[in-house]
Amino acid sequence: MIRVLVTAFGAFPGAPSNPTIAIARELERRHGRRLERLSITLHTRVLPVRFHTVGEALALALEETRPDVVLHLGLAARRKAMSVELRARNRLGTLRPDAARVFAPSSVVSMGAPGRLSARWPAQRVRAAMNRSAVTRLSIDAGDYVCNQTLFLTLSTIGGQVGFIHAPRPRKGGGWRRPGLGRMVDAAASALLVMAGAARSTSRWPGLDRTAS
């Protein structure tokens, strides 16, 4: 069995309801049985958009699920397409408060760690698979908010397939240029299938990377 962890995020300033929660729930409801038949076990968790506590919540989710594949889902409200992130930066913006109205305590995610970490997934193949359901673009990095912090921490903690998708706000009724919820759910399922396929050769849980900073 390939163990998959999909995370969504809760509300934050400017997003009183975060559609990534609905994407994760619908992913489990609509595709969970199909994935199970393909020997893929899907787990979902909602992480807080809080600089001080997201690391603890993430660590708990990783320990509980011991995933071979981790896919984070974040909201990029101003974008029209889904975004496949290529890397995380060891950087946090200090001008934007989190859900607790608290600012980042530092301008870096982890002192002494590398300046950037590449996402570990076949990004081009993921984008191509997702693009059959919703317009999908490659994105240079995950920004400098809690989304980026979460991806950086995950890449620093475990091995295996790790990726991040930024989703736009779903369009009511859906469409090709700005997808609805259903299209984004199907696109996320396609991403998981590609990631699970890439993880087949290393299906045991990679565990903590003791060499990471």
C-alpha atoms as a PDB file:
ATOM      1  CA  MET A   1       0.000   0.000   0.000  1.00  0.00           C
ATOM      2  CA  ILE A   2       1.102   3.538  -0.776  1.00  0.00           C
ATOM      3  CA  ARG A   3       0.191   5.871   2.069  1.00  0.00           C
ATOM      4  CA  VAL A   4      -0.828   9.360   0.954  1.00  0.00           C
ATOM      5  CA  LEU A   5      -1.313  12.445   3.108  1.00  0.00           C
ATOM      6  CA  VAL A   6      -3.228  15.373   1.642  1.00  0.00           C
ATOM      7  CA  THR A   7      -3.380  18.535   3.712  1.00  0.00           C
ATOM      8  CA  ALA A   8      -5.626  21.561   3.393  1.00  0.00           C
ATOM      9  CA  PHE A   9      -5.494  24.833   5.331  1.00  0.00           C
ATOM     10  CA  GLY A  10      -8.000  26.572   7.539  1.00  0.00           C
ATOM     11  CA  ALA A  11      -9.200  30.161   7.321  1.00  0.00           C
ATOM     12  CA  PHE A  12      -6.850  33.146   7.333  1.00  0.00           C
ATOM     13  CA  PRO A  13      -7.162  36.922   6.826  1.00  0.00           C
ATOM     14  CA  GLY A  14      -8.845  37.525   3.492  1.00  0.00           C
ATOM     15  CA  ALA A  15     -10.149  33.949   3.302  1.00  0.00           C
ATOM     16  CA  PRO A  16     -12.809  33.336   5.980  1.00  0.00           C
ATOM     17  CA  SER A  17     -13.534  30.008   4.279  1.00  0.00           C
ATOM     18  CA  ASN A  18     -10.726  28.078   2.658  1.00  0.00           C
ATOM     19  CA  PRO A  19     -11.800  26.016  -0.368  1.00  0.00           C
ATOM     20  CA  THR A  20      -8.846  23.654   0.021  1.00  0.00           C
ATOM     21  CA  ILE A  21     -10.804  21.966   2.831  1.00  0.00           C
ATOM     22  CA  ALA A  22     -13.629  21.219   0.414  1.00  0.00           C
ATOM     23  CA  ILE A  23     -11.140  19.947  -2.184  1.00  0.00           C
ATOM     24  CA  ALA A  24      -9.565  17.546   0.327  1.00  0.00           C
ATOM     25  CA  ARG A  25     -12.927  16.295   1.580  1.00  0.00           C
ATOM     26  CA  GLU A  26     -14.310  15.801  -1.922  1.00  0.00           C
ATOM     27  CA  LEU A  27     -11.097  14.099  -2.951  1.00  0.00           C
ATOM     28  CA  GLU A  28     -11.635  11.558  -0.199  1.00  0.00           C
ATOM     29  CA  ARG A  29     -15.353  11.162  -0.892  1.00  0.00           C
ATOM     30  CA  ARG A  30     -15.183  10.905  -4.680  1.00  0.00           C
ATOM     31  CA  HIS A  31     -11.850   9.187  -5.218  1.00  0.00           C
ATOM     32  CA  GLY A  32     -11.068   7.405  -1.946  1.00  0.00           C
ATOM     33  CA  ARG A  33     -12.469   4.011  -2.986  1.00  0.00           C
ATOM     34  CA  ARG A  34     -10.856   4.171  -6.398  1.00  0.00           C
ATOM     35  CA  LEU A  35      -7.496   4.941  -4.818  1.00  0.00           C
ATOM     36  CA  GLU A  36      -7.998   2.109  -2.346  1.00  0.00           C
ATOM     37  CA  ARG A  37      -8.530  -0.323  -5.229  1.00  0.00           C
ATOM     38  CA  LEU A  38      -5.188   0.871  -6.609  1.00  0.00           C
ATOM     39  CA  SER A  39      -3.522   0.116  -3.254  1.00  0.00           C
ATOM     40  CA  ILE A  40      -3.357   3.776  -2.278  1.00  0.00           C
ATOM     41  CA  THR A  41      -4.523   4.744   1.214  1.00  0.00           C
ATOM     42  CA  LEU A  42      -5.618   8.365   1.448  1.00  0.00           C
ATOM     43  CA  HIS A  43      -5.445  10.417   4.639  1.00  0.00           C
ATOM     44  CA  THR A  44      -6.499  14.060   4.878  1.00  0.00           C
ATOM     45  CA  ARG A  45      -5.722  16.683   7.499  1.00  0.00           C
ATOM     46  CA  VAL A  46      -6.452  20.411   7.918  1.00  0.00           C
ATOM     47  CA  LEU A  47      -3.518  22.519   9.072  1.00  0.00           C
ATOM     48  CA  PRO A  48      -3.778  25.871  10.866  1.00  0.00           C
ATOM     49  CA  VAL A  49      -2.616  29.002   9.068  1.00  0.00           C
ATOM     50  CA  ARG A  50      -0.469  29.952  12.038  1.00  0.00           C
ATOM     51  CA  PHE A  51       3.268  30.499  11.953  1.00  0.00           C
ATOM     52  CA  HIS A  52       3.797  29.253  15.507  1.00  0.00           C
ATOM     53  CA  THR A  53       1.699  26.072  15.427  1.00  0.00           C
ATOM     54  CA  VAL A  54       1.669  24.770  11.859  1.00  0.00           C
ATOM     55  CA  GLY A  55       4.957  22.924  12.407  1.00  0.00           C
ATOM     56  CA  GLU A  56       3.576  21.024  15.380  1.00  0.00           C
ATOM     57  CA  ALA A  57       0.347  20.155  13.546  1.00  0.00           C
ATOM     58  CA  LEU A  58       2.328  19.009  10.513  1.00  0.00           C
ATOM     59  CA  ALA A  59       4.657  16.841  12.600  1.00  0.00           C
ATOM     60  CA  LEU A  60       1.660  15.160  14.238  1.00  0.00           C
ATOM     61  CA  ALA A  61       0.018  14.491  10.875  1.00  0.00           C
ATOM     62  CA  LEU A  62       3.228  12.970   9.503  1.00  0.00           C
ATOM     63  CA  GLU A  63       3.701  10.777  12.556  1.00  0.00           C
ATOM     64  CA  GLU A  64       0.091   9.574  12.507  1.00  0.00           C
ATOM     65  CA  THR A  65      -0.029   8.738   8.806  1.00  0.00           C
ATOM     66  CA  ARG A  66       3.625   7.899   7.959  1.00  0.00           C
ATOM     67  CA  PRO A  67       3.100   8.818   4.317  1.00  0.00           C
ATOM     68  CA  ASP A  68       4.998   7.810   1.216  1.00  0.00           C
ATOM     69  CA  VAL A  69       3.405  10.768  -0.580  1.00  0.00           C
ATOM     70  CA  VAL A  70       2.553  14.209   0.814  1.00  0.00           C
ATOM     71  CA  LEU A  71       0.468  16.662  -1.179  1.00  0.00           C
ATOM     72  CA  HIS A  72      -0.245  20.060   0.343  1.00  0.00           C
ATOM     73  CA  LEU A  73      -3.145  22.150  -0.977  1.00  0.00           C
ATOM     74  CA  GLY A  74      -3.103  25.913  -0.516  1.00  0.00           C
ATOM     75  CA  LEU A  75      -5.245  28.827  -1.675  1.00  0.00           C
ATOM     76  CA  ALA A  76      -3.992  31.444  -4.149  1.00  0.00           C
ATOM     77  CA  ALA A  77      -7.181  33.480  -4.436  1.00  0.00           C
ATOM     78  CA  ARG A  78      -6.017  35.852  -7.192  1.00  0.00           C
ATOM     79  CA  ARG A  79      -4.858  33.146  -9.560  1.00  0.00           C
ATOM     80  CA  LYS A  80      -7.108  31.650 -12.223  1.00  0.00           C
ATOM     81  CA  ALA A  81      -5.212  28.395 -12.773  1.00  0.00           C
ATOM     82  CA  MET A  82      -3.963  25.689 -10.459  1.00  0.00           C
ATOM     83  CA  SER A  83      -0.258  25.993  -9.677  1.00  0.00           C
ATOM     84  CA  VAL A  84       2.282  23.198  -9.295  1.00  0.00           C
ATOM     85  CA  GLU A  85       5.002  24.565  -7.018  1.00  0.00           C
ATOM     86  CA  LEU A  86       8.607  23.736  -7.869  1.00  0.00           C
ATOM     87  CA  ARG A  87      10.322  24.654  -4.604  1.00  0.00           C
ATOM     88  CA  ALA A  88      10.069  26.104  -1.114  1.00  0.00           C
ATOM     89  CA  ARG A  89      12.195  29.006   0.064  1.00  0.00           C
ATOM     90  CA  ASN A  90      13.758  29.395   3.474  1.00  0.00           C
ATOM     91  CA  ARG A  91      11.965  32.701   3.768  1.00  0.00           C
ATOM     92  CA  LEU A  92       8.947  34.135   5.545  1.00  0.00           C
ATOM     93  CA  GLY A  93       7.274  37.457   4.854  1.00  0.00           C
ATOM     94  CA  THR A  94       6.998  39.595   7.971  1.00  0.00           C
ATOM     95  CA  LEU A  95       4.268  41.994   6.812  1.00  0.00           C
ATOM     96  CA  ARG A  96       1.271  39.670   6.591  1.00  0.00           C
ATOM     97  CA  PRO A  97      -0.403  38.295   9.736  1.00  0.00           C
ATOM     98  CA  ASP A  98      -1.605  34.722  10.083  1.00  0.00           C
ATOM     99  CA  ALA A  99      -5.018  33.462  11.225  1.00  0.00           C
ATOM    100  CA  ALA A 100      -4.200  34.458  14.802  1.00  0.00           C
ATOM    101  CA  ARG A 101      -3.296  37.976  13.613  1.00  0.00           C
ATOM    102  CA  VAL A 102       0.316  37.220  14.511  1.00  0.00           C
ATOM    103  CA  PHE A 103       3.239  38.101  12.268  1.00  0.00           C
ATOM    104  CA  ALA A 104       6.078  35.732  11.378  1.00  0.00           C
ATOM    105  CA  PRO A 105       8.623  35.616  14.218  1.00  0.00           C
ATOM    106  CA  SER A 106      11.533  35.549  11.757  1.00  0.00           C
ATOM    107  CA  SER A 107      12.272  36.189   8.107  1.00  0.00           C
ATOM    108  CA  VAL A 108      13.453  32.582   7.669  1.00  0.00           C
ATOM    109  CA  VAL A 109      11.726  29.234   8.202  1.00  0.00           C
ATOM    110  CA  SER A 110      14.781  27.518   9.689  1.00  0.00           C
ATOM    111  CA  MET A 111      18.001  29.215  10.724  1.00  0.00           C
ATOM    112  CA  GLY A 112      21.047  27.661   9.082  1.00  0.00           C
ATOM    113  CA  ALA A 113      19.010  25.607   6.594  1.00  0.00           C
ATOM    114  CA  PRO A 114      19.470  25.862   2.809  1.00  0.00           C
ATOM    115  CA  GLY A 115      18.020  28.884   1.036  1.00  0.00           C
ATOM    116  CA  ARG A 116      15.622  26.730  -0.967  1.00  0.00           C
ATOM    117  CA  LEU A 117      14.494  23.132  -1.263  1.00  0.00           C
ATOM    118  CA  SER A 118      13.120  21.592  -4.434  1.00  0.00           C
ATOM    119  CA  ALA A 119       9.768  19.857  -4.293  1.00  0.00           C
ATOM    120  CA  ARG A 120      10.175  16.107  -4.739  1.00  0.00           C
ATOM    121  CA  TRP A 121       7.729  15.096  -7.435  1.00  0.00           C
ATOM    122  CA  PRO A 122       7.700  14.789 -11.233  1.00  0.00           C
ATOM    123  CA  ALA A 123       6.317  18.300 -11.651  1.00  0.00           C
ATOM    124  CA  GLN A 124       5.989  18.263 -15.435  1.00  0.00           C
ATOM    125  CA  ARG A 125       4.114  14.964 -15.393  1.00  0.00           C
ATOM    126  CA  VAL A 126       1.909  16.160 -12.548  1.00  0.00           C
ATOM    127  CA  ARG A 127       1.062  19.358 -14.424  1.00  0.00           C
ATOM    128  CA  ALA A 128       0.257  17.455 -17.612  1.00  0.00           C
ATOM    129  CA  ALA A 129      -2.021  15.024 -15.750  1.00  0.00           C
ATOM    130  CA  MET A 130      -3.825  17.804 -13.890  1.00  0.00           C
ATOM    131  CA  ASN A 131      -4.235  19.849 -17.043  1.00  0.00           C
ATOM    132  CA  ARG A 132      -6.720  17.301 -18.382  1.00  0.00           C
ATOM    133  CA  SER A 133      -9.198  18.469 -15.723  1.00  0.00           C
ATOM    134  CA  ALA A 134      -8.217  22.073 -14.973  1.00  0.00           C
ATOM    135  CA  VAL A 135      -5.756  24.569 -16.399  1.00  0.00           C
ATOM    136  CA  THR A 136      -2.519  24.051 -14.496  1.00  0.00           C
ATOM    137  CA  ARG A 137       0.714  26.034 -14.511  1.00  0.00           C
ATOM    138  CA  LEU A 138       4.169  25.547 -13.036  1.00  0.00           C
ATOM    139  CA  SER A 139       5.095  28.055 -10.325  1.00  0.00           C
ATOM    140  CA  ILE A 140       8.646  28.916  -9.271  1.00  0.00           C
ATOM    141  CA  ASP A 141       8.058  28.691  -5.521  1.00  0.00           C
ATOM    142  CA  ALA A 142       5.368  28.583  -2.853  1.00  0.00           C
ATOM    143  CA  GLY A 143       5.733  32.225  -1.763  1.00  0.00           C
ATOM    144  CA  ASP A 144       6.621  33.419   1.730  1.00  0.00           C
ATOM    145  CA  TYR A 145       3.524  32.701   3.815  1.00  0.00           C
ATOM    146  CA  VAL A 146       2.461  29.667   5.881  1.00  0.00           C
ATOM    147  CA  CYS A 147       2.071  27.637   2.660  1.00  0.00           C
ATOM    148  CA  ASN A 148       5.767  28.009   1.904  1.00  0.00           C
ATOM    149  CA  GLN A 149       6.669  27.378   5.545  1.00  0.00           C
ATOM    150  CA  THR A 150       4.735  24.104   5.495  1.00  0.00           C
ATOM    151  CA  LEU A 151       6.313  22.864   2.289  1.00  0.00           C
ATOM    152  CA  PHE A 152       9.806  23.763   3.507  1.00  0.00           C
ATOM    153  CA  LEU A 153       9.265  21.949   6.811  1.00  0.00           C
ATOM    154  CA  THR A 154       7.941  18.845   5.086  1.00  0.00           C
ATOM    155  CA  LEU A 155      10.857  18.700   2.661  1.00  0.00           C
ATOM    156  CA  SER A 156      13.221  19.135   5.617  1.00  0.00           C
ATOM    157  CA  THR A 157      11.590  16.355   7.625  1.00  0.00           C
ATOM    158  CA  ILE A 158      10.798  13.357   5.411  1.00  0.00           C
ATOM    159  CA  GLY A 159      11.857  11.771   2.163  1.00  0.00           C
ATOM    160  CA  GLY A 160       9.540  10.458  -0.517  1.00  0.00           C
ATOM    161  CA  GLN A 161       7.232  12.358  -2.824  1.00  0.00           C
ATOM    162  CA  VAL A 162       6.391  15.848  -1.526  1.00  0.00           C
ATOM    163  CA  GLY A 163       4.535  18.522  -3.490  1.00  0.00           C
ATOM    164  CA  PHE A 164       2.364  21.597  -3.166  1.00  0.00           C
ATOM    165  CA  ILE A 165      -0.562  22.751  -5.296  1.00  0.00           C
ATOM    166  CA  HIS A 166      -1.969  26.258  -5.045  1.00  0.00           C
ATOM    167  CA  ALA A 167      -5.628  26.382  -6.062  1.00  0.00           C
ATOM    168  CA  PRO A 168      -7.637  29.446  -7.116  1.00  0.00           C
ATOM    169  CA  ARG A 169     -11.015  30.217  -5.653  1.00  0.00           C
ATOM    170  CA  PRO A 170     -13.446  27.821  -7.343  1.00  0.00           C
ATOM    171  CA  ARG A 171     -15.786  29.351  -9.851  1.00  0.00           C
ATOM    172  CA  LYS A 172     -19.436  28.610  -9.291  1.00  0.00           C
ATOM    173  CA  GLY A 173     -20.593  26.377 -12.082  1.00  0.00           C
ATOM    174  CA  GLY A 174     -17.004  25.823 -13.122  1.00  0.00           C
ATOM    175  CA  GLY A 175     -15.303  26.492 -16.392  1.00  0.00           C
ATOM    176  CA  TRP A 176     -12.061  25.858 -18.170  1.00  0.00           C
ATOM    177  CA  ARG A 177     -10.252  29.138 -17.516  1.00  0.00           C
ATOM    178  CA  ARG A 178     -11.259  29.345 -13.855  1.00  0.00           C
ATOM    179  CA  PRO A 179     -12.191  25.856 -12.666  1.00  0.00           C
ATOM    180  CA  GLY A 180     -14.983  24.875 -10.346  1.00  0.00           C
ATOM    181  CA  LEU A 181     -14.552  22.657  -7.311  1.00  0.00           C
ATOM    182  CA  GLY A 182     -15.207  19.427  -9.191  1.00  0.00           C
ATOM    183  CA  ARG A 183     -12.506  20.063 -11.780  1.00  0.00           C
ATOM    184  CA  MET A 184      -9.978  20.921  -9.096  1.00  0.00           C
ATOM    185  CA  VAL A 185     -10.815  17.760  -7.152  1.00  0.00           C
ATOM    186  CA  ASP A 186     -10.292  15.646 -10.263  1.00  0.00           C
ATOM    187  CA  ALA A 187      -7.030  17.469 -11.017  1.00  0.00           C
ATOM    188  CA  ALA A 188      -5.769  16.792  -7.491  1.00  0.00           C
ATOM    189  CA  ALA A 189      -6.668  13.106  -7.880  1.00  0.00           C
ATOM    190  CA  SER A 190      -4.635  12.981 -11.090  1.00  0.00           C
ATOM    191  CA  ALA A 191      -1.664  14.505  -9.264  1.00  0.00           C
ATOM    192  CA  LEU A 192      -1.909  11.853  -6.559  1.00  0.00           C
ATOM    193  CA  LEU A 193      -1.902   9.040  -9.102  1.00  0.00           C
ATOM    194  CA  VAL A 194       1.294  10.361 -10.677  1.00  0.00           C
ATOM    195  CA  MET A 195       2.947  10.830  -7.285  1.00  0.00           C
ATOM    196  CA  ALA A 196       1.889   7.389  -6.069  1.00  0.00           C
ATOM    197  CA  GLY A 197       3.300   5.831  -9.220  1.00  0.00           C
ATOM    198  CA  ALA A 198       6.606   7.600  -8.617  1.00  0.00           C
ATOM    199  CA  ALA A 199       6.628   6.354  -5.018  1.00  0.00           C
ATOM    200  CA  ARG A 200       6.064   2.669  -5.824  1.00  0.00           C
ATOM    201  CA  SER A 201       9.731   1.758  -5.668  1.00  0.00           C
ATOM    202  CA  THR A 202      10.106   3.265  -2.176  1.00  0.00           C
ATOM    203  CA  SER A 203       6.765   2.402  -0.623  1.00  0.00           C
ATOM    204  CA  ARG A 204       7.951   2.147   2.969  1.00  0.00           C
ATOM    205  CA  TRP A 205       7.706   5.320   5.065  1.00  0.00           C
ATOM    206  CA  PRO A 206      10.959   7.282   4.603  1.00  0.00           C
ATOM    207  CA  GLY A 207      10.840   8.495   8.207  1.00  0.00           C
ATOM    208  CA  LEU A 208      12.632  11.486   9.647  1.00  0.00           C
ATOM    209  CA  ASP A 209      15.595  12.763   7.723  1.00  0.00           C
ATOM    210  CA  ARG A 210      18.164  12.913  10.481  1.00  0.00           C
ATOM    211  CA  THR A 211      20.633  14.747   8.240  1.00  0.00           C
ATOM    212  CA  ALA A 212      18.317  17.679   7.597  1.00  0.00           C
ATOM    213  CA  SER A 213      18.973  20.994   9.285  1.00  0.00           C
END
